N, C-alpha and C. Protein backbone atom coordinates (compact mmCIF):
# COMPACT_ATOMS: atom_id res chain seq x y z
N MET A 1 -23.33 9.83 -19.24
CA MET A 1 -24.65 9.46 -18.76
C MET A 1 -25.17 10.57 -17.85
N LYS A 2 -26.39 10.96 -18.09
CA LYS A 2 -27.03 11.99 -17.28
C LYS A 2 -27.73 11.32 -16.10
N LEU A 3 -27.42 11.78 -14.90
CA LEU A 3 -28.02 11.23 -13.69
C LEU A 3 -29.28 11.99 -13.33
N ILE A 4 -30.28 11.27 -12.90
CA ILE A 4 -31.50 11.88 -12.39
C ILE A 4 -31.30 12.03 -10.89
N THR A 5 -30.99 13.23 -10.46
CA THR A 5 -30.63 13.44 -9.05
C THR A 5 -31.82 13.34 -8.12
N SER A 6 -33.02 13.42 -8.66
CA SER A 6 -34.21 13.30 -7.81
C SER A 6 -34.69 11.85 -7.71
N ARG A 7 -33.91 10.91 -8.26
CA ARG A 7 -34.36 9.52 -8.26
C ARG A 7 -34.49 9.00 -6.83
N PRO A 8 -35.45 8.11 -6.61
CA PRO A 8 -35.67 7.61 -5.25
C PRO A 8 -34.59 6.61 -4.84
N TYR A 9 -34.51 6.43 -3.54
CA TYR A 9 -33.61 5.43 -2.97
C TYR A 9 -34.25 4.06 -3.15
N LEU A 10 -33.58 3.20 -3.90
CA LEU A 10 -34.03 1.82 -4.11
C LEU A 10 -32.85 0.90 -3.82
N ARG A 11 -33.11 -0.25 -3.22
CA ARG A 11 -32.03 -1.13 -2.76
C ARG A 11 -31.66 -2.24 -3.73
N PHE A 12 -32.30 -2.33 -4.88
CA PHE A 12 -32.08 -3.48 -5.75
C PHE A 12 -30.60 -3.70 -6.06
N GLU A 13 -29.93 -2.70 -6.62
CA GLU A 13 -28.51 -2.84 -6.97
C GLU A 13 -27.65 -3.05 -5.73
N ILE A 14 -27.96 -2.33 -4.68
CA ILE A 14 -27.21 -2.44 -3.42
C ILE A 14 -27.30 -3.85 -2.86
N ASP A 15 -28.50 -4.40 -2.84
CA ASP A 15 -28.69 -5.74 -2.28
C ASP A 15 -28.02 -6.84 -3.10
N LYS A 16 -27.95 -6.67 -4.43
CA LYS A 16 -27.25 -7.66 -5.26
C LYS A 16 -25.78 -7.74 -4.85
N VAL A 17 -25.14 -6.59 -4.71
CA VAL A 17 -23.73 -6.56 -4.34
C VAL A 17 -23.56 -6.99 -2.88
N PHE A 18 -24.49 -6.56 -2.01
CA PHE A 18 -24.42 -6.91 -0.59
C PHE A 18 -24.46 -8.43 -0.40
N ALA A 19 -25.28 -9.12 -1.15
CA ALA A 19 -25.36 -10.59 -1.05
C ALA A 19 -24.02 -11.23 -1.38
N GLN A 20 -23.34 -10.70 -2.39
CA GLN A 20 -22.02 -11.23 -2.77
C GLN A 20 -20.98 -10.96 -1.68
N VAL A 21 -21.01 -9.76 -1.13
CA VAL A 21 -20.06 -9.39 -0.08
C VAL A 21 -20.27 -10.25 1.16
N LYS A 22 -21.54 -10.43 1.55
CA LYS A 22 -21.83 -11.26 2.73
C LYS A 22 -21.38 -12.70 2.52
N ALA A 23 -21.58 -13.23 1.34
CA ALA A 23 -21.15 -14.60 1.06
C ALA A 23 -19.63 -14.73 1.18
N ALA A 24 -18.91 -13.75 0.65
CA ALA A 24 -17.45 -13.77 0.75
C ALA A 24 -16.99 -13.64 2.20
N MET A 25 -17.65 -12.75 2.95
CA MET A 25 -17.29 -12.59 4.37
C MET A 25 -17.56 -13.87 5.15
N HIS A 26 -18.67 -14.52 4.83
CA HIS A 26 -19.02 -15.77 5.52
C HIS A 26 -17.98 -16.85 5.22
N ALA A 27 -17.57 -16.95 3.97
CA ALA A 27 -16.56 -17.94 3.60
C ALA A 27 -15.26 -17.70 4.36
N GLU A 28 -14.85 -16.43 4.47
CA GLU A 28 -13.64 -16.10 5.24
C GLU A 28 -13.81 -16.43 6.72
N ALA A 29 -14.99 -16.15 7.25
CA ALA A 29 -15.27 -16.43 8.66
C ALA A 29 -15.22 -17.92 8.95
N LEU A 30 -15.68 -18.73 8.00
CA LEU A 30 -15.62 -20.19 8.17
C LEU A 30 -14.17 -20.68 8.18
N LYS A 31 -13.34 -20.10 7.33
CA LYS A 31 -11.92 -20.46 7.32
C LYS A 31 -11.27 -20.09 8.65
N ARG A 32 -11.56 -18.88 9.10
CA ARG A 32 -10.98 -18.38 10.36
C ARG A 32 -11.38 -19.26 11.54
N GLY A 33 -12.60 -19.74 11.52
CA GLY A 33 -13.13 -20.53 12.64
C GLY A 33 -13.06 -22.03 12.43
N ASN A 34 -12.29 -22.47 11.42
CA ASN A 34 -12.17 -23.91 11.14
C ASN A 34 -13.53 -24.60 11.04
N GLY A 35 -14.40 -24.03 10.20
CA GLY A 35 -15.72 -24.61 9.99
C GLY A 35 -16.83 -23.90 10.73
N TRP A 36 -16.49 -23.07 11.70
CA TRP A 36 -17.47 -22.23 12.41
C TRP A 36 -17.28 -20.80 11.91
N ALA A 37 -18.38 -20.12 11.63
CA ALA A 37 -18.28 -18.71 11.24
C ALA A 37 -17.79 -17.92 12.46
N LEU A 38 -16.68 -17.25 12.32
CA LEU A 38 -16.05 -16.53 13.42
C LEU A 38 -15.80 -15.07 13.00
N TYR A 39 -16.39 -14.15 13.75
CA TYR A 39 -16.31 -12.72 13.45
C TYR A 39 -15.89 -11.95 14.69
N GLU A 40 -15.46 -10.69 14.45
CA GLU A 40 -15.27 -9.74 15.54
C GLU A 40 -16.27 -8.62 15.34
N ASP A 41 -17.04 -8.32 16.38
CA ASP A 41 -18.01 -7.22 16.31
C ASP A 41 -17.24 -5.92 16.10
N CYS A 42 -17.65 -5.15 15.10
CA CYS A 42 -16.91 -3.93 14.74
C CYS A 42 -17.08 -2.80 15.74
N TYR A 43 -18.03 -2.91 16.65
CA TYR A 43 -18.25 -1.85 17.64
C TYR A 43 -17.84 -2.25 19.06
N THR A 44 -17.88 -3.54 19.37
CA THR A 44 -17.55 -3.97 20.73
C THR A 44 -16.23 -4.73 20.81
N GLY A 45 -15.83 -5.35 19.71
CA GLY A 45 -14.65 -6.20 19.71
C GLY A 45 -14.96 -7.62 20.16
N GLN A 46 -16.21 -7.86 20.53
CA GLN A 46 -16.64 -9.18 21.00
C GLN A 46 -16.53 -10.20 19.87
N THR A 47 -16.09 -11.40 20.22
CA THR A 47 -16.05 -12.49 19.25
C THR A 47 -17.46 -13.03 19.06
N LEU A 48 -17.86 -13.14 17.78
CA LEU A 48 -19.17 -13.67 17.43
C LEU A 48 -18.97 -14.93 16.61
N ILE A 49 -19.80 -15.93 16.87
CA ILE A 49 -19.72 -17.19 16.12
C ILE A 49 -21.08 -17.47 15.49
N GLY A 50 -21.06 -18.34 14.49
CA GLY A 50 -22.30 -18.74 13.84
C GLY A 50 -23.33 -19.15 14.88
N GLY A 51 -24.54 -18.65 14.72
CA GLY A 51 -25.60 -18.93 15.69
C GLY A 51 -25.84 -17.77 16.63
N ASP A 52 -24.82 -16.91 16.83
CA ASP A 52 -25.02 -15.70 17.63
C ASP A 52 -25.94 -14.75 16.86
N PRO A 53 -26.65 -13.90 17.57
CA PRO A 53 -27.57 -12.96 16.89
C PRO A 53 -26.81 -11.76 16.32
N TYR A 54 -26.16 -11.95 15.17
CA TYR A 54 -25.40 -10.88 14.54
C TYR A 54 -25.99 -10.53 13.18
N ASP A 55 -25.61 -9.36 12.70
CA ASP A 55 -26.00 -8.89 11.36
C ASP A 55 -24.76 -8.42 10.63
N TYR A 56 -24.83 -8.52 9.31
CA TYR A 56 -23.86 -7.83 8.47
C TYR A 56 -24.34 -6.38 8.43
N GLU A 57 -23.42 -5.47 8.62
CA GLU A 57 -23.73 -4.07 8.88
C GLU A 57 -23.07 -3.15 7.87
N HIS A 58 -23.84 -2.20 7.33
CA HIS A 58 -23.24 -1.08 6.59
C HIS A 58 -22.92 -0.02 7.64
N ILE A 59 -21.68 0.26 7.86
CA ILE A 59 -21.29 1.24 8.87
C ILE A 59 -21.94 2.58 8.55
N PHE A 60 -21.79 3.05 7.31
CA PHE A 60 -22.57 4.18 6.81
C PHE A 60 -23.69 3.56 5.98
N SER A 61 -24.92 3.89 6.32
CA SER A 61 -26.06 3.22 5.72
C SER A 61 -26.15 3.45 4.21
N ALA A 62 -26.76 2.48 3.55
CA ALA A 62 -26.96 2.57 2.11
C ALA A 62 -27.79 3.81 1.77
N GLU A 63 -28.79 4.09 2.56
CA GLU A 63 -29.63 5.25 2.29
C GLU A 63 -28.85 6.56 2.44
N TRP A 64 -27.99 6.63 3.44
CA TRP A 64 -27.18 7.82 3.64
C TRP A 64 -26.24 8.04 2.46
N ILE A 65 -25.58 6.97 2.02
CA ILE A 65 -24.64 7.08 0.89
C ILE A 65 -25.38 7.45 -0.38
N HIS A 66 -26.54 6.86 -0.61
CA HIS A 66 -27.35 7.21 -1.78
C HIS A 66 -27.70 8.69 -1.75
N SER A 67 -28.16 9.15 -0.62
CA SER A 67 -28.55 10.56 -0.47
C SER A 67 -27.37 11.50 -0.72
N GLU A 68 -26.20 11.13 -0.22
CA GLU A 68 -25.01 11.97 -0.36
C GLU A 68 -24.44 12.01 -1.78
N TYR A 69 -24.57 10.91 -2.53
CA TYR A 69 -23.83 10.80 -3.78
C TYR A 69 -24.69 10.55 -5.02
N LYS A 70 -26.01 10.56 -4.91
CA LYS A 70 -26.84 10.27 -6.08
C LYS A 70 -26.68 11.31 -7.18
N HIS A 71 -26.21 12.50 -6.83
CA HIS A 71 -25.99 13.53 -7.84
C HIS A 71 -24.68 13.30 -8.61
N LEU A 72 -23.85 12.39 -8.11
CA LEU A 72 -22.56 12.12 -8.75
C LEU A 72 -22.44 10.73 -9.35
N LEU A 73 -23.17 9.76 -8.76
CA LEU A 73 -22.97 8.35 -9.12
C LEU A 73 -24.27 7.68 -9.56
N SER A 74 -24.13 6.66 -10.40
CA SER A 74 -25.26 5.84 -10.81
C SER A 74 -25.62 4.88 -9.66
N ASP A 75 -26.76 4.23 -9.75
CA ASP A 75 -27.15 3.27 -8.72
C ASP A 75 -26.15 2.12 -8.63
N GLU A 76 -25.61 1.70 -9.77
CA GLU A 76 -24.62 0.62 -9.78
C GLU A 76 -23.34 1.05 -9.06
N GLU A 77 -22.93 2.30 -9.30
CA GLU A 77 -21.73 2.81 -8.63
C GLU A 77 -21.97 2.99 -7.14
N ILE A 78 -23.15 3.47 -6.78
CA ILE A 78 -23.49 3.61 -5.36
C ILE A 78 -23.45 2.26 -4.68
N ALA A 79 -23.94 1.22 -5.34
CA ALA A 79 -23.92 -0.13 -4.76
C ALA A 79 -22.50 -0.57 -4.45
N LYS A 80 -21.56 -0.23 -5.33
CA LYS A 80 -20.15 -0.58 -5.09
C LYS A 80 -19.60 0.19 -3.88
N VAL A 81 -19.94 1.47 -3.80
CA VAL A 81 -19.44 2.28 -2.69
C VAL A 81 -20.03 1.79 -1.37
N VAL A 82 -21.34 1.59 -1.34
CA VAL A 82 -22.02 1.13 -0.12
C VAL A 82 -21.39 -0.16 0.40
N ASN A 83 -21.05 -1.04 -0.52
CA ASN A 83 -20.57 -2.37 -0.15
C ASN A 83 -19.06 -2.52 -0.22
N CYS A 84 -18.34 -1.40 -0.18
CA CYS A 84 -16.88 -1.51 -0.15
C CYS A 84 -16.49 -2.25 1.14
N PRO A 85 -15.43 -3.01 1.10
CA PRO A 85 -15.07 -3.84 2.26
C PRO A 85 -14.94 -3.09 3.58
N GLU A 86 -14.52 -1.84 3.51
CA GLU A 86 -14.34 -1.06 4.73
C GLU A 86 -15.66 -0.59 5.33
N ASN A 87 -16.74 -0.63 4.55
CA ASN A 87 -18.04 -0.17 5.04
C ASN A 87 -18.97 -1.32 5.45
N VAL A 88 -18.54 -2.55 5.23
CA VAL A 88 -19.37 -3.71 5.62
C VAL A 88 -18.65 -4.44 6.74
N ALA A 89 -19.36 -4.64 7.82
CA ALA A 89 -18.79 -5.30 8.99
C ALA A 89 -19.87 -6.15 9.64
N VAL A 90 -19.52 -6.74 10.77
CA VAL A 90 -20.46 -7.57 11.51
C VAL A 90 -20.62 -6.97 12.90
N THR A 91 -21.86 -6.94 13.37
CA THR A 91 -22.15 -6.48 14.73
C THR A 91 -23.36 -7.23 15.27
N LEU A 92 -23.54 -7.13 16.56
CA LEU A 92 -24.72 -7.73 17.17
C LEU A 92 -25.99 -7.10 16.60
N ARG A 93 -27.00 -7.91 16.41
CA ARG A 93 -28.28 -7.44 15.85
C ARG A 93 -28.85 -6.27 16.65
N THR A 94 -28.72 -6.32 17.98
CA THR A 94 -29.27 -5.24 18.81
C THR A 94 -28.58 -3.90 18.51
N ILE A 95 -27.29 -3.95 18.22
CA ILE A 95 -26.56 -2.74 17.88
C ILE A 95 -26.99 -2.24 16.50
N ASN A 96 -27.06 -3.15 15.54
CA ASN A 96 -27.47 -2.78 14.19
C ASN A 96 -28.86 -2.16 14.20
N GLN A 97 -29.77 -2.75 14.95
CA GLN A 97 -31.14 -2.21 15.02
C GLN A 97 -31.17 -0.87 15.73
N SER A 98 -30.35 -0.70 16.74
CA SER A 98 -30.29 0.57 17.46
C SER A 98 -29.74 1.68 16.55
N LYS A 99 -28.70 1.37 15.81
CA LYS A 99 -28.08 2.36 14.93
C LYS A 99 -28.96 2.66 13.73
N GLY A 100 -29.56 1.62 13.17
CA GLY A 100 -30.43 1.82 12.01
C GLY A 100 -29.73 2.58 10.90
N LYS A 101 -30.40 3.60 10.38
CA LYS A 101 -29.86 4.39 9.28
C LYS A 101 -29.13 5.64 9.77
N THR A 102 -28.97 5.74 11.08
CA THR A 102 -28.31 6.92 11.66
C THR A 102 -26.85 6.98 11.26
N ASP A 103 -26.36 8.16 11.02
CA ASP A 103 -24.95 8.38 10.78
C ASP A 103 -24.19 7.77 11.97
N PRO A 104 -23.19 6.93 11.74
CA PRO A 104 -22.54 6.25 12.85
C PRO A 104 -21.85 7.19 13.84
N GLU A 105 -21.37 8.32 13.36
CA GLU A 105 -20.72 9.28 14.27
C GLU A 105 -21.75 9.90 15.21
N THR A 106 -22.93 10.18 14.68
CA THR A 106 -24.02 10.72 15.51
C THR A 106 -24.48 9.68 16.52
N TRP A 107 -24.63 8.44 16.06
CA TRP A 107 -25.08 7.36 16.94
C TRP A 107 -24.06 7.15 18.07
N LEU A 108 -22.78 7.15 17.73
CA LEU A 108 -21.73 6.92 18.71
C LEU A 108 -21.60 8.08 19.70
N ALA A 109 -21.98 9.27 19.28
CA ALA A 109 -21.90 10.44 20.17
C ALA A 109 -22.90 10.38 21.31
N ASN A 110 -23.91 9.52 21.18
CA ASN A 110 -24.91 9.34 22.24
C ASN A 110 -24.33 8.37 23.27
N LYS A 111 -23.97 8.90 24.42
CA LYS A 111 -23.33 8.09 25.47
C LYS A 111 -24.19 6.91 25.92
N GLN A 112 -25.50 7.06 25.83
CA GLN A 112 -26.39 5.95 26.20
C GLN A 112 -26.17 4.73 25.31
N ASN A 113 -25.88 4.96 24.04
CA ASN A 113 -25.60 3.84 23.14
C ASN A 113 -24.32 3.11 23.55
N ILE A 114 -23.33 3.87 23.95
CA ILE A 114 -22.05 3.27 24.38
C ILE A 114 -22.27 2.40 25.61
N ILE A 115 -23.01 2.92 26.56
CA ILE A 115 -23.26 2.19 27.81
C ILE A 115 -24.15 0.97 27.56
N LYS A 116 -25.28 1.20 26.92
CA LYS A 116 -26.26 0.12 26.71
C LYS A 116 -25.67 -1.06 25.93
N HIS A 117 -24.86 -0.76 24.91
CA HIS A 117 -24.36 -1.82 24.03
C HIS A 117 -22.90 -2.20 24.30
N GLN A 118 -22.33 -1.63 25.37
CA GLN A 118 -20.93 -1.92 25.74
C GLN A 118 -19.97 -1.71 24.56
N ILE A 119 -20.11 -0.52 23.96
CA ILE A 119 -19.31 -0.17 22.79
C ILE A 119 -17.87 0.15 23.21
N ASN A 120 -16.93 -0.36 22.45
CA ASN A 120 -15.53 0.01 22.59
C ASN A 120 -15.34 1.22 21.68
N SER A 121 -15.38 2.42 22.25
CA SER A 121 -15.37 3.66 21.46
C SER A 121 -14.17 3.76 20.54
N LYS A 122 -13.01 3.39 21.02
CA LYS A 122 -11.80 3.48 20.21
C LYS A 122 -11.91 2.57 18.98
N LEU A 123 -12.36 1.35 19.18
CA LEU A 123 -12.53 0.40 18.08
C LEU A 123 -13.60 0.88 17.11
N ALA A 124 -14.72 1.33 17.64
CA ALA A 124 -15.83 1.80 16.80
C ALA A 124 -15.37 2.99 15.95
N LEU A 125 -14.69 3.94 16.57
CA LEU A 125 -14.21 5.11 15.82
C LEU A 125 -13.21 4.71 14.74
N LYS A 126 -12.39 3.72 15.02
CA LYS A 126 -11.43 3.23 14.02
C LYS A 126 -12.17 2.71 12.79
N HIS A 127 -13.22 1.91 13.01
CA HIS A 127 -13.99 1.36 11.89
C HIS A 127 -14.76 2.46 11.15
N ILE A 128 -15.31 3.40 11.88
CA ILE A 128 -16.06 4.50 11.27
C ILE A 128 -15.13 5.35 10.40
N LYS A 129 -13.97 5.69 10.93
CA LYS A 129 -13.01 6.51 10.18
C LYS A 129 -12.54 5.77 8.93
N ARG A 130 -12.25 4.51 9.09
CA ARG A 130 -11.79 3.70 7.94
C ARG A 130 -12.86 3.64 6.87
N ALA A 131 -14.11 3.43 7.27
CA ALA A 131 -15.22 3.37 6.30
C ALA A 131 -15.40 4.71 5.61
N LYS A 132 -15.37 5.78 6.37
CA LYS A 132 -15.57 7.13 5.81
C LYS A 132 -14.48 7.45 4.78
N ASN A 133 -13.24 7.16 5.12
CA ASN A 133 -12.12 7.41 4.19
C ASN A 133 -12.24 6.56 2.93
N ALA A 134 -12.62 5.31 3.09
CA ALA A 134 -12.76 4.42 1.93
C ALA A 134 -13.90 4.87 1.03
N ILE A 135 -15.01 5.29 1.62
CA ILE A 135 -16.14 5.78 0.83
C ILE A 135 -15.70 6.97 -0.01
N ARG A 136 -15.03 7.93 0.61
CA ARG A 136 -14.54 9.11 -0.12
C ARG A 136 -13.60 8.71 -1.24
N SER A 137 -12.71 7.77 -0.95
CA SER A 137 -11.75 7.32 -1.95
C SER A 137 -12.44 6.63 -3.12
N TYR A 138 -13.40 5.74 -2.83
CA TYR A 138 -14.14 5.06 -3.90
C TYR A 138 -14.90 6.06 -4.74
N VAL A 139 -15.55 7.04 -4.10
CA VAL A 139 -16.30 8.06 -4.84
C VAL A 139 -15.35 8.85 -5.74
N ASP A 140 -14.24 9.30 -5.19
CA ASP A 140 -13.26 10.05 -5.98
C ASP A 140 -12.79 9.26 -7.18
N THR A 141 -12.50 7.99 -6.97
CA THR A 141 -12.06 7.13 -8.07
C THR A 141 -13.14 7.02 -9.14
N LEU A 142 -14.38 6.79 -8.73
CA LEU A 142 -15.46 6.62 -9.70
C LEU A 142 -15.76 7.90 -10.49
N ILE A 143 -15.70 9.04 -9.84
CA ILE A 143 -16.03 10.27 -10.57
C ILE A 143 -14.88 10.72 -11.47
N ASN A 144 -13.68 10.19 -11.23
CA ASN A 144 -12.53 10.58 -12.04
C ASN A 144 -12.18 9.54 -13.11
N GLU A 145 -13.01 8.53 -13.25
CA GLU A 145 -12.75 7.49 -14.29
C GLU A 145 -13.12 8.02 -15.65
């Protein structure tokens, strides 16, 4: 299959897979919390429960991954990479909105973000590294199939 490397960033395929991943994460969170959705914020370590203002988060944004790999992968493959378990986590909405589409390493390097959002740098770096390694691994697997 010939890829059109100039194709625009569209979320249709990504959002289809993201909805499935979020549903699975929610089901696991309900089990963990005995009927209450129970999560750990991937940047602060804070316990979050259903009703708290949290978001499901792509640690490396869908747009960033699309931009990096559209020359190698189809939109369907990009959707799988974006939504790999290591790249989807839960965080407070204020953190997700602050980070936006920014590369997480760049966002974390801003000390004001750490202070303002009470980020646990060690925990955040662990999740970022894990996501980055998983993304590379998924991409390598897909291009070598």
